[in-house]
C-alpha atoms as a PDB file:
ATOM      1  CA  MET A   1      10.826  18.795  -3.614  1.00  0.00           C
ATOM      2  CA  ALA A   2      14.109  19.654  -1.413  1.00  0.00           C
ATOM      3  CA  LYS A   3      16.701  16.650  -0.936  1.00  0.00           C
ATOM      4  CA  GLY A   4      16.513  14.600   1.919  1.00  0.00           C
ATOM      5  CA  ARG A   5      12.713  15.352   2.554  1.00  0.00           C
ATOM      6  CA  LYS A   6      10.225  12.878   2.572  1.00  0.00           C
ATOM      7  CA  ARG A   7       6.741  13.319   0.728  1.00  0.00           C
ATOM      8  CA  LYS A   8       4.121  14.274   2.863  1.00  0.00           C
ATOM      9  CA  ALA A   9       1.905  11.468   3.511  1.00  0.00           C
ATOM     10  CA  SER A  10      -1.634  12.247   4.495  1.00  0.00           C
ATOM     11  CA  PRO A  11      -2.736  12.504   8.279  1.00  0.00           C
ATOM     12  CA  GLY A  12      -3.285   8.817   9.483  1.00  0.00           C
ATOM     13  CA  ASP A  13      -1.044   7.540   7.228  1.00  0.00           C
ATOM     14  CA  ILE A  14       1.325   4.579   8.889  1.00  0.00           C
ATOM     15  CA  ALA A  15       3.117   3.131   5.763  1.00  0.00           C
ATOM     16  CA  THR A  16       2.986   3.682   1.830  1.00  0.00           C
ATOM     17  CA  ASN A  17       3.872   1.783  -1.467  1.00  0.00           C
ATOM     18  CA  ARG A  18       5.300   4.036  -3.784  1.00  0.00           C
ATOM     19  CA  GLN A  19       6.852   1.331  -5.645  1.00  0.00           C
ATOM     20  CA  ALA A  20       3.282   0.273  -6.439  1.00  0.00           C
ATOM     21  CA  ALA A  21       2.676   3.360  -8.870  1.00  0.00           C
ATOM     22  CA  PHE A  22       6.244   2.516 -10.458  1.00  0.00           C
ATOM     23  CA  ARG A  23       5.675  -1.029 -10.996  1.00  0.00           C
ATOM     24  CA  TYR A  24       1.806  -0.983 -11.929  1.00  0.00           C
ATOM     25  CA  ASN A  25      -1.038   0.680 -13.396  1.00  0.00           C
ATOM     26  CA  LEU A  26      -3.456   1.494 -10.811  1.00  0.00           C
ATOM     27  CA  LEU A  27      -6.928   1.177 -11.728  1.00  0.00           C
ATOM     28  CA  ASP A  28      -9.319   1.200  -8.824  1.00  0.00           C
ATOM     29  CA  ARG A  29      -9.137   1.558  -5.040  1.00  0.00           C
ATOM     30  CA  PHE A  30     -10.626  -0.028  -2.028  1.00  0.00           C
ATOM     31  CA  GLU A  31     -10.113   0.759   1.361  1.00  0.00           C
ATOM     32  CA  ALA A  32     -10.003  -3.010   3.986  1.00  0.00           C
ATOM     33  CA  GLY A  33      -9.987  -3.118   7.497  1.00  0.00           C
ATOM     34  CA  ILE A  34      -7.395  -5.672   8.136  1.00  0.00           C
ATOM     35  CA  VAL A  35      -7.912  -8.404  11.309  1.00  0.00           C
ATOM     36  CA  LEU A  36      -4.732  -7.827  13.578  1.00  0.00           C
ATOM     37  CA  THR A  37      -3.457  -9.363  16.935  1.00  0.00           C
ATOM     38  CA  GLY A  38      -3.101  -6.986  20.057  1.00  0.00           C
ATOM     39  CA  THR A  39       0.921  -6.923  19.243  1.00  0.00           C
ATOM     40  CA  GLU A  40       0.442  -5.957  15.708  1.00  0.00           C
ATOM     41  CA  VAL A  41      -1.741  -3.382  16.637  1.00  0.00           C
ATOM     42  CA  LYS A  42       0.341  -1.734  18.852  1.00  0.00           C
ATOM     43  CA  SER A  43       3.495  -1.838  16.036  1.00  0.00           C
ATOM     44  CA  LEU A  44       1.329  -0.445  13.810  1.00  0.00           C
ATOM     45  CA  ARG A  45       1.281   2.623  16.077  1.00  0.00           C
ATOM     46  CA  GLU A  46       5.129   2.525  16.147  1.00  0.00           C
ATOM     47  CA  GLY A  47       5.469   2.134  12.695  1.00  0.00           C
ATOM     48  CA  GLY A  48       6.602  -1.316  11.766  1.00  0.00           C
ATOM     49  CA  VAL A  49       5.165  -1.794   8.285  1.00  0.00           C
ATOM     50  CA  GLN A  50       6.511  -2.398   5.569  1.00  0.00           C
ATOM     51  CA  LEU A  51       3.940  -2.772   2.139  1.00  0.00           C
ATOM     52  CA  LYS A  52       7.124  -3.245  -0.762  1.00  0.00           C
ATOM     53  CA  ASP A  53       7.025  -7.041  -1.502  1.00  0.00           C
ATOM     54  CA  SER A  54       3.372  -7.336  -0.339  1.00  0.00           C
ATOM     55  CA  TYR A  55      -0.058  -8.409  -2.511  1.00  0.00           C
ATOM     56  CA  ALA A  56      -3.699  -9.295  -1.925  1.00  0.00           C
ATOM     57  CA  VAL A  57      -5.159 -12.643  -3.288  1.00  0.00           C
ATOM     58  CA  VAL A  58      -8.518 -13.520  -3.330  1.00  0.00           C
ATOM     59  CA  ARG A  59      -8.998 -17.175  -1.798  1.00  0.00           C
ATOM     60  CA  ASP A  60     -12.223 -19.235  -0.865  1.00  0.00           C
ATOM     61  CA  GLY A  61     -14.175 -15.792  -0.918  1.00  0.00           C
ATOM     62  CA  GLU A  62     -11.903 -14.136   1.297  1.00  0.00           C
ATOM     63  CA  VAL A  63      -9.230 -11.697   0.699  1.00  0.00           C
ATOM     64  CA  TRP A  64      -5.815 -11.935   2.425  1.00  0.00           C
ATOM     65  CA  LEU A  65      -3.012  -9.802   2.421  1.00  0.00           C
ATOM     66  CA  ILE A  66       0.470 -11.620   1.946  1.00  0.00           C
ATOM     67  CA  GLY A  67       3.898 -10.495   2.115  1.00  0.00           C
ATOM     68  CA  THR A  68       3.786  -7.809   4.289  1.00  0.00           C
ATOM     69  CA  TYR A  69       5.775  -7.684   7.384  1.00  0.00           C
ATOM     70  CA  ILE A  70       4.767  -5.991  10.272  1.00  0.00           C
ATOM     71  CA  ALA A  71       7.854  -5.775  13.040  1.00  0.00           C
ATOM     72  CA  PRO A  72       7.679  -7.842  16.231  1.00  0.00           C
ATOM     73  CA  TYR A  73       6.422  -5.596  19.097  1.00  0.00           C
ATOM     74  CA  GLY A  74       9.549  -4.897  21.626  1.00  0.00           C
ATOM     75  CA  PRO A  75       7.940  -5.454  25.509  1.00  0.00           C
ATOM     76  CA  ALA A  76       5.668  -8.322  24.351  1.00  0.00           C
ATOM     77  CA  SER A  77       8.118 -10.445  23.661  1.00  0.00           C
ATOM     78  CA  ARG A  78       7.071 -14.080  24.279  1.00  0.00           C
ATOM     79  CA  GLU A  79       3.657 -13.327  23.035  1.00  0.00           C
ATOM     80  CA  ASN A  80       4.443 -11.744  19.448  1.00  0.00           C
ATOM     81  CA  HIS A  81       2.937 -12.438  16.749  1.00  0.00           C
ATOM     82  CA  GLU A  82       4.673 -13.544  13.234  1.00  0.00           C
ATOM     83  CA  PRO A  83       5.693 -10.660  11.165  1.00  0.00           C
ATOM     84  CA  GLU A  84       4.747 -12.201   7.828  1.00  0.00           C
ATOM     85  CA  ARG A  85       1.974 -13.867   8.523  1.00  0.00           C
ATOM     86  CA  GLU A  86      -1.365 -13.480   6.070  1.00  0.00           C
ATOM     87  CA  ARG A  87      -4.023 -11.316   7.178  1.00  0.00           C
ATOM     88  CA  LYS A  88      -7.538 -11.632   6.230  1.00  0.00           C
ATOM     89  CA  LEU A  89      -8.795  -8.343   4.601  1.00  0.00           C
ATOM     90  CA  LEU A  90     -12.091  -6.925   5.839  1.00  0.00           C
ATOM     91  CA  LEU A  91     -14.559  -6.344   2.166  1.00  0.00           C
ATOM     92  CA  HIS A  92     -17.885  -6.148   1.328  1.00  0.00           C
ATOM     93  CA  ARG A  93     -19.192  -9.122  -0.452  1.00  0.00           C
ATOM     94  CA  SER A  94     -20.125  -6.882  -3.478  1.00  0.00           C
ATOM     95  CA  GLU A  95     -16.509  -5.746  -3.724  1.00  0.00           C
ATOM     96  CA  ILE A  96     -15.148  -9.059  -3.137  1.00  0.00           C
ATOM     97  CA  ASP A  97     -17.080 -10.296  -5.984  1.00  0.00           C
ATOM     98  CA  ARG A  98     -15.722  -7.391  -8.246  1.00  0.00           C
ATOM     99  CA  LEU A  99     -12.164  -8.449  -7.168  1.00  0.00           C
ATOM    100  CA  ILE A 100     -12.867 -12.194  -8.257  1.00  0.00           C
ATOM    101  CA  GLY A 101     -14.077 -11.249 -11.228  1.00  0.00           C
ATOM    102  CA  ALA A 102     -11.392  -8.867 -12.339  1.00  0.00           C
ATOM    103  CA  THR A 103      -8.860 -11.067 -11.036  1.00  0.00           C
ATOM    104  CA  ARG A 104      -9.564 -14.003 -13.082  1.00  0.00           C
ATOM    105  CA  GLU A 105     -10.587 -12.637 -16.431  1.00  0.00           C
ATOM    106  CA  ARG A 106      -8.336  -9.735 -17.046  1.00  0.00           C
ATOM    107  CA  GLY A 107      -5.513 -10.900 -15.322  1.00  0.00           C
ATOM    108  CA  LEU A 108      -4.882  -8.114 -13.207  1.00  0.00           C
ATOM    109  CA  THR A 109      -3.562  -7.939  -9.313  1.00  0.00           C
ATOM    110  CA  LEU A 110      -4.373  -6.830  -5.792  1.00  0.00           C
ATOM    111  CA  VAL A 111      -1.626  -4.575  -4.813  1.00  0.00           C
ATOM    112  CA  PRO A 112      -1.815  -2.670  -1.212  1.00  0.00           C
ATOM    113  CA  THR A 113      -1.016   0.965  -1.205  1.00  0.00           C
ATOM    114  CA  ARG A 114      -1.109   2.478   1.613  1.00  0.00           C
ATOM    115  CA  VAL A 115      -2.154   1.431   5.551  1.00  0.00           C
ATOM    116  CA  TYR A 116      -3.251   3.781   7.863  1.00  0.00           C
ATOM    117  CA  PHE A 117      -5.734   4.058  10.944  1.00  0.00           C
ATOM    118  CA  SER A 118      -9.343   5.659  10.239  1.00  0.00           C
ATOM    119  CA  ASP A 119     -10.770   8.597  10.695  1.00  0.00           C
ATOM    120  CA  GLN A 120     -10.783   8.145  14.724  1.00  0.00           C
ATOM    121  CA  GLY A 121      -7.708   6.656  14.926  1.00  0.00           C
ATOM    122  CA  SER A 122      -8.980   3.200  16.517  1.00  0.00           C
ATOM    123  CA  ARG A 123      -9.339   0.893  12.682  1.00  0.00           C
ATOM    124  CA  ALA A 124      -6.798  -0.249  10.939  1.00  0.00           C
ATOM    125  CA  LYS A 125      -7.201   0.059   7.348  1.00  0.00           C
ATOM    126  CA  VAL A 126      -4.982  -0.688   4.005  1.00  0.00           C
ATOM    127  CA  GLU A 127      -5.911   0.489   0.798  1.00  0.00           C
ATOM    128  CA  ILE A 128      -5.730  -1.723  -2.087  1.00  0.00           C
ATOM    129  CA  ALA A 129      -5.680  -0.761  -5.816  1.00  0.00           C
ATOM    130  CA  LEU A 130      -6.526  -3.387  -8.644  1.00  0.00           C
ATOM    131  CA  ALA A 131      -3.526  -3.010 -10.634  1.00  0.00           C
ATOM    132  CA  ARG A 132      -2.401  -3.848 -14.055  1.00  0.00           C
ATOM    133  CA  GLY A 133       1.791  -4.410 -14.610  1.00  0.00           C
ATOM    134  CA  LYS A 134       4.032  -2.177 -16.576  1.00  0.00           C
ATOM    135  CA  ASP A 135       6.193  -3.442 -19.151  1.00  0.00           C
ATOM    136  CA  ILE A 136       9.917  -1.998 -19.499  1.00  0.00           C
ATOM    137  CA  HIS A 137       8.861   0.779 -21.525  1.00  0.00           C
ATOM    138  CA  ASP A 138       6.157   2.108 -19.453  1.00  0.00           C
ATOM    139  CA  LYS A 139       8.569   2.540 -16.457  1.00  0.00           C
ATOM    140  CA  ARG A 140      10.632   4.115 -18.870  1.00  0.00           C
ATOM    141  CA  GLU A 141       8.120   6.878 -19.566  1.00  0.00           C
ATOM    142  CA  THR A 142       7.025   6.669 -16.272  1.00  0.00           C
ATOM    143  CA  ILE A 143      10.706   7.725 -15.342  1.00  0.00           C
ATOM    144  CA  ARG A 144      10.482  10.530 -18.246  1.00  0.00           C
ATOM    145  CA  ARG A 145       7.383  12.087 -16.919  1.00  0.00           C
ATOM    146  CA  ARG A 146       8.944  12.368 -13.313  1.00  0.00           C
ATOM    147  CA  GLU A 147      12.087  13.938 -14.456  1.00  0.00           C
ATOM    148  CA  SER A 148      10.738  16.404 -16.748  1.00  0.00           C
ATOM    149  CA  GLN A 149       8.413  17.655 -14.540  1.00  0.00           C
ATOM    150  CA  ARG A 150      11.441  18.173 -11.403  1.00  0.00           C
ATOM    151  CA  GLU A 151      12.732  20.538 -14.903  1.00  0.00           C
ATOM    152  CA  ILE A 152      10.143  22.163 -14.856  1.00  0.00           C
ATOM    153  CA  ALA A 153       9.591  22.924 -11.012  1.00  0.00           C
ATOM    154  CA  ARG A 154      13.755  23.436 -10.988  1.00  0.00           C
ATOM    155  CA  GLY A 155      13.183  26.661 -13.690  1.00  0.00           C
ATOM    156  CA  MET A 156      10.432  28.274 -12.458  1.00  0.00           C
ATOM    157  CA  ARG A 157      11.742  28.534  -8.804  1.00  0.00           C
ATOM    158  CA  ASP A 158      14.691  29.516 -10.865  1.00  0.00           C
ATOM    159  CA  ALA A 159      12.840  32.498 -12.450  1.00  0.00           C
ATOM    160  CA  GLU A 160      11.418  33.330  -9.319  1.00  0.00           C
ATOM    161  CA  ARG A 161      14.751  34.446  -8.204  1.00  0.00           C
END
């Protein structure tokens, strides 16, 4: 990947949490709907969302997204939403039960990995991953592996010339 270029995102992606793969071992992924207000949806369409320090929590049999920043929608002025409010996630009961068991027993956490619009482009979705935190050693190994992949790609590119 050349300098200055962004990593190619899937069609419909609004935001991705690239730090999640570095900070955590991502074990299992779930697709969830998000309960949003009108101004939040308009702000999402403009790409005004940040997932970096957000996480999900299971509370009273419901899953909540915490710490996600959705920028206020400019034209709404007075009728705007609170940027960092907790947002309810929509999952099937069986998925919520799995998440409850996993987060309680094994010490796992729920991390949002990306926000996107569904295939029809009408519904905002969030992909959450069941994750286990990495140790410093694991993070160093991830960096080492990434750098070796870059060197291999650079060597192959130079060999083609």
